[in-house]
Amino acid sequence: MFAHFRAKSAALWGRCAVSFRKRLMPAIGVAALCLLTAACVATPHEPYAGSDPSDPGARVPAVRYRPTTGGYTSQRPIEPAPWREQNERVTPAPKR
């Protein structure tokens, strides 16, 4: 019984594999053709946006000095305040 089942499943699998290969081979061929033609496309000679970075005469924005601590404000710890007062300070005004 087991041998009969094994032979039947092997025959079925063989037919499925053949039909699968028949459907898969054209798709693999198309994919290979697409990859080969994509590899033959020339790369652009100039960048898509902006001037050429290798041009020494290219215009660039002016460089300005900005100190690293320019926007620093002290964040010293303070004593805890009641949370209700803090919430009332930051809530939006009620609409009238």
C-alpha atoms as a PDB file:
ATOM      1  CA  MET A   1       0.000   0.000   0.000  1.00  0.00           C
ATOM      2  CA  PHE A   2       2.783   2.394   0.919  1.00  0.00           C
ATOM      3  CA  ALA A   3       4.675   1.611  -2.288  1.00  0.00           C
ATOM      4  CA  HIS A   4       1.529   2.312  -4.333  1.00  0.00           C
ATOM      5  CA  PHE A   5       1.027   5.670  -2.583  1.00  0.00           C
ATOM      6  CA  ARG A   6       4.700   6.541  -3.055  1.00  0.00           C
ATOM      7  CA  ALA A   7       4.603   5.735  -6.778  1.00  0.00           C
ATOM      8  CA  LYS A   8       1.402   7.729  -7.270  1.00  0.00           C
ATOM      9  CA  SER A   9       2.768  10.793  -5.446  1.00  0.00           C
ATOM     10  CA  ALA A  10       6.056  10.610  -7.380  1.00  0.00           C
ATOM     11  CA  ALA A  11       4.162  10.557 -10.676  1.00  0.00           C
ATOM     12  CA  LEU A  12       1.995  13.471  -9.599  1.00  0.00           C
ATOM     13  CA  TRP A  13       5.008  15.448  -8.377  1.00  0.00           C
ATOM     14  CA  GLY A  14       6.821  14.777 -11.640  1.00  0.00           C
ATOM     15  CA  ARG A  15       3.931  16.202 -13.663  1.00  0.00           C
ATOM     16  CA  CYS A  16       3.668  19.265 -11.400  1.00  0.00           C
ATOM     17  CA  ALA A  17       7.397  19.904 -11.596  1.00  0.00           C
ATOM     18  CA  VAL A  18       7.366  19.740 -15.402  1.00  0.00           C
ATOM     19  CA  SER A  19       4.462  22.180 -15.693  1.00  0.00           C
ATOM     20  CA  PHE A  20       6.069  24.424 -13.081  1.00  0.00           C
ATOM     21  CA  ARG A  21       9.346  24.445 -15.033  1.00  0.00           C
ATOM     22  CA  LYS A  22       7.480  25.220 -18.247  1.00  0.00           C
ATOM     23  CA  ARG A  23       5.897  28.265 -16.637  1.00  0.00           C
ATOM     24  CA  LEU A  24       8.985  29.365 -14.734  1.00  0.00           C
ATOM     25  CA  MET A  25      11.583  29.229 -17.493  1.00  0.00           C
ATOM     26  CA  PRO A  26      10.112  32.074 -19.605  1.00  0.00           C
ATOM     27  CA  ALA A  27       9.866  34.266 -16.489  1.00  0.00           C
ATOM     28  CA  ILE A  28      13.509  33.579 -15.639  1.00  0.00           C
ATOM     29  CA  GLY A  29      14.483  34.398 -19.228  1.00  0.00           C
ATOM     30  CA  VAL A  30      12.594  37.708 -19.133  1.00  0.00           C
ATOM     31  CA  ALA A  31      14.175  38.626 -15.785  1.00  0.00           C
ATOM     32  CA  ALA A  32      17.660  37.817 -17.094  1.00  0.00           C
ATOM     33  CA  LEU A  33      17.032  39.884 -20.222  1.00  0.00           C
ATOM     34  CA  CYS A  34      15.865  42.835 -18.113  1.00  0.00           C
ATOM     35  CA  LEU A  35      18.971  42.641 -15.920  1.00  0.00           C
ATOM     36  CA  LEU A  36      21.283  42.469 -18.910  1.00  0.00           C
ATOM     37  CA  THR A  37      19.687  45.452 -20.641  1.00  0.00           C
ATOM     38  CA  ALA A  38      19.661  47.478 -17.414  1.00  0.00           C
ATOM     39  CA  ALA A  39      23.402  46.878 -17.041  1.00  0.00           C
ATOM     40  CA  CYS A  40      24.011  48.421 -20.480  1.00  0.00           C
ATOM     41  CA  VAL A  41      22.367  51.759 -19.643  1.00  0.00           C
ATOM     42  CA  ALA A  42      24.882  54.619 -19.466  1.00  0.00           C
ATOM     43  CA  THR A  43      25.248  56.518 -16.213  1.00  0.00           C
ATOM     44  CA  PRO A  44      24.570  60.265 -16.282  1.00  0.00           C
ATOM     45  CA  HIS A  45      27.597  62.483 -16.827  1.00  0.00           C
ATOM     46  CA  GLU A  46      26.387  65.331 -14.608  1.00  0.00           C
ATOM     47  CA  PRO A  47      24.620  65.327 -11.260  1.00  0.00           C
ATOM     48  CA  TYR A  48      20.856  65.601 -11.341  1.00  0.00           C
ATOM     49  CA  ALA A  49      20.612  68.674  -9.113  1.00  0.00           C
ATOM     50  CA  GLY A  50      22.964  71.510  -8.367  1.00  0.00           C
ATOM     51  CA  SER A  51      26.357  72.314  -9.771  1.00  0.00           C
ATOM     52  CA  ASP A  52      29.199  69.907 -10.363  1.00  0.00           C
ATOM     53  CA  PRO A  53      30.958  69.229  -7.029  1.00  0.00           C
ATOM     54  CA  SER A  54      34.332  68.809  -8.729  1.00  0.00           C
ATOM     55  CA  ASP A  55      34.190  72.317 -10.263  1.00  0.00           C
ATOM     56  CA  PRO A  56      36.488  74.636  -8.251  1.00  0.00           C
ATOM     57  CA  GLY A  57      34.650  77.691  -9.588  1.00  0.00           C
ATOM     58  CA  ALA A  58      31.243  76.547  -8.376  1.00  0.00           C
ATOM     59  CA  ARG A  59      29.366  79.044  -6.224  1.00  0.00           C
ATOM     60  CA  VAL A  60      28.822  78.060  -2.608  1.00  0.00           C
ATOM     61  CA  PRO A  61      27.043  79.815   0.274  1.00  0.00           C
ATOM     62  CA  ALA A  62      29.130  82.104   2.449  1.00  0.00           C
ATOM     63  CA  VAL A  63      30.613  80.639   5.617  1.00  0.00           C
ATOM     64  CA  ARG A  64      29.776  82.496   8.819  1.00  0.00           C
ATOM     65  CA  TYR A  65      31.060  81.996  12.316  1.00  0.00           C
ATOM     66  CA  ARG A  66      28.537  80.716  14.823  1.00  0.00           C
ATOM     67  CA  PRO A  67      29.657  79.866  18.341  1.00  0.00           C
ATOM     68  CA  THR A  68      28.770  76.378  19.500  1.00  0.00           C
ATOM     69  CA  THR A  69      27.247  77.689  22.718  1.00  0.00           C
ATOM     70  CA  GLY A  70      25.313  80.523  21.028  1.00  0.00           C
ATOM     71  CA  GLY A  71      21.807  79.349  21.894  1.00  0.00           C
ATOM     72  CA  TYR A  72      22.614  78.023  25.364  1.00  0.00           C
ATOM     73  CA  THR A  73      20.352  78.899  28.290  1.00  0.00           C
ATOM     74  CA  SER A  74      21.010  77.712  31.791  1.00  0.00           C
ATOM     75  CA  GLN A  75      18.836  74.809  32.918  1.00  0.00           C
ATOM     76  CA  ARG A  76      19.492  74.845  36.636  1.00  0.00           C
ATOM     77  CA  PRO A  77      17.254  72.699  38.834  1.00  0.00           C
ATOM     78  CA  ILE A  78      14.520  74.509  40.726  1.00  0.00           C
ATOM     79  CA  GLU A  79      12.284  73.581  43.602  1.00  0.00           C
ATOM     80  CA  PRO A  80       9.200  71.547  42.694  1.00  0.00           C
ATOM     81  CA  ALA A  81       6.047  73.609  42.234  1.00  0.00           C
ATOM     82  CA  PRO A  82       2.459  72.445  42.605  1.00  0.00           C
ATOM     83  CA  TRP A  83       1.476  70.590  39.420  1.00  0.00           C
ATOM     84  CA  ARG A  84      -1.934  72.258  39.157  1.00  0.00           C
ATOM     85  CA  GLU A  85      -0.369  75.735  38.828  1.00  0.00           C
ATOM     86  CA  GLN A  86       2.109  74.489  36.232  1.00  0.00           C
ATOM     87  CA  ASN A  87      -0.674  72.938  34.169  1.00  0.00           C
ATOM     88  CA  GLU A  88      -2.759  76.109  34.315  1.00  0.00           C
ATOM     89  CA  ARG A  89       0.193  78.159  33.010  1.00  0.00           C
ATOM     90  CA  VAL A  90       0.604  76.057  29.875  1.00  0.00           C
ATOM     91  CA  THR A  91      -3.031  75.289  28.998  1.00  0.00           C
ATOM     92  CA  PRO A  92      -4.620  77.295  26.152  1.00  0.00           C
ATOM     93  CA  ALA A  93      -7.036  80.046  27.044  1.00  0.00           C
ATOM     94  CA  PRO A  94     -10.700  78.975  27.024  1.00  0.00           C
ATOM     95  CA  LYS A  95     -12.753  79.987  23.965  1.00  0.00           C
ATOM     96  CA  ARG A  96     -15.581  82.480  24.585  1.00  0.00           C
END
